[in-house]
Amino acid sequence: IVLNTEYYVPYFLALVNTKLSRGSSQIYLDRFGIGIVDWRVMASLAIEPEIAASRVCQLIDLDKGAVSRALTRLDEMRLLDHKAGAERDIRRKLWSLNEAGYALHAAVLQVALEREKQLVRGISEDELAVFRQVMRAMHANLQDMG
């Protein structure tokens, strides 16, 4: 018996995610000097400002090391502000985008939304609604899978 990739849902999810992430990361690096993890961290901080690195990890389901490296990189690029916490401990700071961070976020967001339009081209609103519902159900099912 072999895996039938025409019907195996995890295969399609991985394939779409990998191609989408690689393409996005290359575009964001070329145009804006940030990678896909940096973008996900920035998007989290735009949605929920003044949060700790641990909260960013929860929002985007990434490990602490990747989030810490992204926060350090974005801070070095002077795109972030932080409050409180131990000055030398990146995990205890409350992070926010600053004015330059929000400006970059707005520029990247335009590209991200345009890529989303291209991705869902030819798919009806009703089909997208069903897709989102199915994806939310799968996401919820992941908690039971360990």
Foldseek 3Di string as FASTA:
>chain_A
DDDDLVPDVVNVVVVVVVVVQVVLQVVCCVPPNGGPLLLLLLVVQVVPAFAFLVVSCVVVVDDSVSSLVSVVVCVVVVQKDWDDDDPPDRRGIGIHGDPNSVVSNVVSVVVVVVVVCVVCPPPDPVRVVVVVVVVVVVVVVVVVVD
